N, C-alpha and C. Protein backbone atom coordinates (compact mmCIF):
# COMPACT_ATOMS: atom_id res chain seq x y z
N MET A 1 -4.96 -0.82 11.97
CA MET A 1 -3.69 -1.48 11.15
C MET A 1 -2.91 -2.33 11.76
N LYS A 2 -3.72 -3.26 12.51
CA LYS A 2 -2.87 -4.71 13.38
C LYS A 2 -3.38 -5.41 12.44
N ALA A 3 -3.98 -6.21 11.56
CA ALA A 3 -3.92 -6.32 10.38
C ALA A 3 -2.78 -6.53 9.26
N THR A 4 -2.61 -4.90 8.83
CA THR A 4 -0.89 -4.76 8.53
C THR A 4 0.46 -5.58 8.97
N GLN A 5 -0.14 -5.44 10.22
CA GLN A 5 1.20 -5.33 11.18
C GLN A 5 0.94 -7.14 11.12
N ILE A 6 0.07 -7.70 11.57
CA ILE A 6 0.08 -9.23 11.13
C ILE A 6 0.28 -9.84 9.75
N ILE A 7 0.00 -9.14 8.66
CA ILE A 7 0.44 -9.77 7.39
C ILE A 7 2.05 -9.64 7.54
N ARG A 8 2.59 -8.24 7.51
CA ARG A 8 3.94 -8.08 7.79
C ARG A 8 4.83 -9.04 8.19
N GLU A 9 4.14 -9.59 9.73
CA GLU A 9 4.98 -10.25 10.53
C GLU A 9 5.33 -11.83 9.50
N LYS A 10 3.88 -12.21 9.21
CA LYS A 10 3.85 -13.42 8.49
C LYS A 10 4.73 -13.31 7.10
N TYR A 11 4.50 -12.61 6.33
CA TYR A 11 5.01 -12.86 4.98
C TYR A 11 6.08 -11.87 4.66
N GLY A 12 6.37 -10.47 5.38
CA GLY A 12 7.75 -9.67 5.35
C GLY A 12 6.82 -9.05 4.10
N SER A 13 8.04 -8.39 3.93
CA SER A 13 7.78 -7.09 2.82
C SER A 13 7.76 -7.38 1.30
N ARG A 14 7.79 -8.67 1.00
CA ARG A 14 7.31 -9.24 -0.38
C ARG A 14 6.30 -9.30 -1.07
N LEU A 15 5.48 -9.00 0.24
CA LEU A 15 3.76 -9.15 -0.31
C LEU A 15 3.67 -7.16 -0.09
N ILE A 16 2.95 -6.93 -1.34
CA ILE A 16 2.08 -6.00 -1.63
C ILE A 16 1.01 -4.76 -1.38
N ILE A 17 1.23 -4.34 -0.18
CA ILE A 17 -0.09 -3.94 0.52
C ILE A 17 -0.40 -2.64 0.23
N ILE A 18 -1.43 -2.26 -0.38
CA ILE A 18 -1.78 -1.03 -0.59
C ILE A 18 -3.30 -0.54 -0.05
N GLY A 19 -3.00 0.71 1.01
CA GLY A 19 -4.38 1.12 1.64
C GLY A 19 -5.31 2.24 0.78
N LEU A 20 -6.51 1.90 1.28
CA LEU A 20 -7.52 2.58 0.47
C LEU A 20 -8.75 3.47 1.19
N THR A 21 -8.09 4.54 1.05
CA THR A 21 -8.95 5.35 1.90
C THR A 21 -9.88 6.49 1.33
N GLY A 22 -11.03 7.21 1.61
CA GLY A 22 -11.25 8.11 1.06
C GLY A 22 -10.96 9.69 1.06
N ASN A 23 -9.87 9.88 2.26
CA ASN A 23 -8.75 10.17 3.02
C ASN A 23 -7.76 10.76 2.43
N VAL A 24 -7.26 11.37 1.47
CA VAL A 24 -5.49 11.04 1.02
C VAL A 24 -5.36 12.76 1.55
N MET A 25 -5.79 13.07 1.96
CA MET A 25 -4.57 14.29 3.04
C MET A 25 -3.39 13.88 3.23
N PRO A 26 -2.34 14.36 3.36
CA PRO A 26 -1.16 13.57 3.68
C PRO A 26 -0.63 12.92 4.95
N VAL A 27 -1.66 13.70 6.04
CA VAL A 27 -1.38 12.58 7.00
C VAL A 27 -2.04 11.24 6.92
N ASP A 28 -3.19 11.60 6.14
CA ASP A 28 -3.61 9.90 6.51
C ASP A 28 -3.04 8.98 5.37
N VAL A 29 -2.06 9.74 4.52
CA VAL A 29 -1.14 8.36 3.43
C VAL A 29 0.30 8.13 4.52
N LYS A 30 0.82 9.18 5.14
CA LYS A 30 1.36 8.79 6.14
C LYS A 30 1.30 8.36 7.06
N HIS A 31 0.08 7.77 7.54
CA HIS A 31 -0.42 7.02 8.70
C HIS A 31 -0.26 5.61 8.54
N PHE A 32 -0.50 5.80 6.95
CA PHE A 32 -0.99 4.01 6.09
C PHE A 32 0.52 3.44 6.38
N ILE A 33 1.63 4.17 5.32
CA ILE A 33 2.87 4.11 5.27
C ILE A 33 3.51 3.74 6.57
N GLU A 34 3.52 4.37 7.68
CA GLU A 34 3.74 4.25 8.98
C GLU A 34 3.19 3.13 9.08
N HIS A 35 2.22 2.46 9.25
CA HIS A 35 1.66 1.14 9.84
C HIS A 35 1.72 -0.02 8.97
N GLY A 36 2.68 -0.11 7.87
CA GLY A 36 2.84 -1.00 6.49
C GLY A 36 2.42 -1.36 5.11
N ALA A 37 1.61 0.04 5.07
CA ALA A 37 1.37 -0.49 4.04
C ALA A 37 2.27 0.51 2.68
N ASP A 38 1.95 -0.10 1.22
CA ASP A 38 3.60 0.47 0.88
C ASP A 38 2.94 1.78 -0.17
N ALA A 39 1.62 1.38 -0.47
CA ALA A 39 0.57 2.82 -1.41
C ALA A 39 -0.34 3.22 -0.34
N VAL A 40 -1.04 4.42 -0.61
CA VAL A 40 -2.36 4.91 -0.58
C VAL A 40 -3.04 5.06 -1.72
N LEU A 41 -4.41 4.29 -2.16
CA LEU A 41 -4.84 5.02 -3.63
C LEU A 41 -6.30 5.50 -2.56
N SER A 42 -6.59 6.53 -3.13
CA SER A 42 -8.16 7.17 -2.51
C SER A 42 -9.16 6.08 -3.22
N ILE A 43 -10.27 6.60 -2.99
CA ILE A 43 -11.64 5.24 -3.43
C ILE A 43 -12.79 6.92 -3.34
N PRO A 44 -13.60 6.86 -4.91
CA PRO A 44 -13.76 5.94 -5.51
C PRO A 44 -12.14 5.13 -6.83
N LEU A 45 -11.92 3.77 -6.66
CA LEU A 45 -10.74 3.31 -6.93
C LEU A 45 -11.05 3.17 -8.60
N GLU A 46 -9.60 3.91 -9.59
CA GLU A 46 -10.02 3.70 -10.74
C GLU A 46 -8.79 2.36 -11.30
N MET A 47 -9.59 2.09 -11.75
CA MET A 47 -8.44 0.34 -11.92
C MET A 47 -7.58 0.51 -12.75
N ASN A 48 -7.10 1.92 -13.97
CA ASN A 48 -6.07 1.52 -14.13
C ASN A 48 -4.67 2.44 -12.89
N ASP A 49 -5.45 3.26 -12.50
CA ASP A 49 -4.37 3.67 -11.44
C ASP A 49 -3.99 2.99 -10.31
N PHE A 50 -4.91 1.85 -10.07
CA PHE A 50 -4.20 0.62 -9.45
C PHE A 50 -3.33 -0.76 -10.19
N VAL A 51 -3.78 -0.32 -11.53
CA VAL A 51 -2.70 -1.10 -11.82
C VAL A 51 -1.41 -0.78 -12.50
N VAL A 52 -1.60 -0.22 -12.64
CA VAL A 52 -0.28 0.81 -12.57
C VAL A 52 0.98 0.89 -11.34
N LEU A 53 -0.19 1.19 -10.67
CA LEU A 53 0.54 1.56 -8.99
C LEU A 53 1.23 -0.09 -8.68
N VAL A 54 0.26 -1.42 -9.03
CA VAL A 54 0.76 -2.51 -8.43
C VAL A 54 1.92 -3.18 -9.66
N GLU A 55 1.82 -2.54 -10.94
CA GLU A 55 3.30 -2.33 -11.53
C GLU A 55 4.40 -1.99 -11.01
N GLU A 56 4.10 -1.00 -10.71
CA GLU A 56 5.60 -0.27 -10.02
C GLU A 56 5.91 -0.72 -8.83
N LEU A 57 4.85 -1.06 -8.15
CA LEU A 57 5.26 -1.62 -6.75
C LEU A 57 6.07 -2.69 -6.79
N GLU A 58 5.59 -3.95 -7.67
CA GLU A 58 6.74 -5.10 -8.28
C GLU A 58 7.60 -5.01 -9.33
N THR A 59 7.74 -3.74 -9.62
CA THR A 59 9.33 -3.36 -9.97
C THR A 59 10.10 -2.90 -9.21
N SER A 60 9.98 -2.10 -8.21
CA SER A 60 10.56 -1.63 -7.10
C SER A 60 11.00 -3.04 -6.40
N LYS A 61 9.95 -3.60 -6.19
CA LYS A 61 9.99 -5.01 -4.36
C LYS A 61 10.98 -6.13 -5.25
N MET A 62 11.16 -5.76 -6.85
CA MET A 62 11.84 -7.14 -7.84
C MET A 62 13.60 -6.57 -7.67
N ASN A 63 13.94 -5.63 -7.22
CA ASN A 63 14.96 -4.56 -7.32
C ASN A 63 15.46 -4.78 -5.97
N LEU A 64 14.83 -5.04 -4.93
CA LEU A 64 15.37 -5.00 -3.24
C LEU A 64 16.42 -6.24 -3.73
């Protein structure tokens, strides 16, 4: 998760970071979030889920 840390240091929280994993167990999701991801999606990725999530995250970040 070093990459997420570097991205956050450079761009702050305005950039959306979505973790992708084959393991979407609560412990895995917690790990991604603790290391700077805004959300987590499972792979294989469903494009509609991705689009909906990005739209939700954009809306929430604009309201900060």
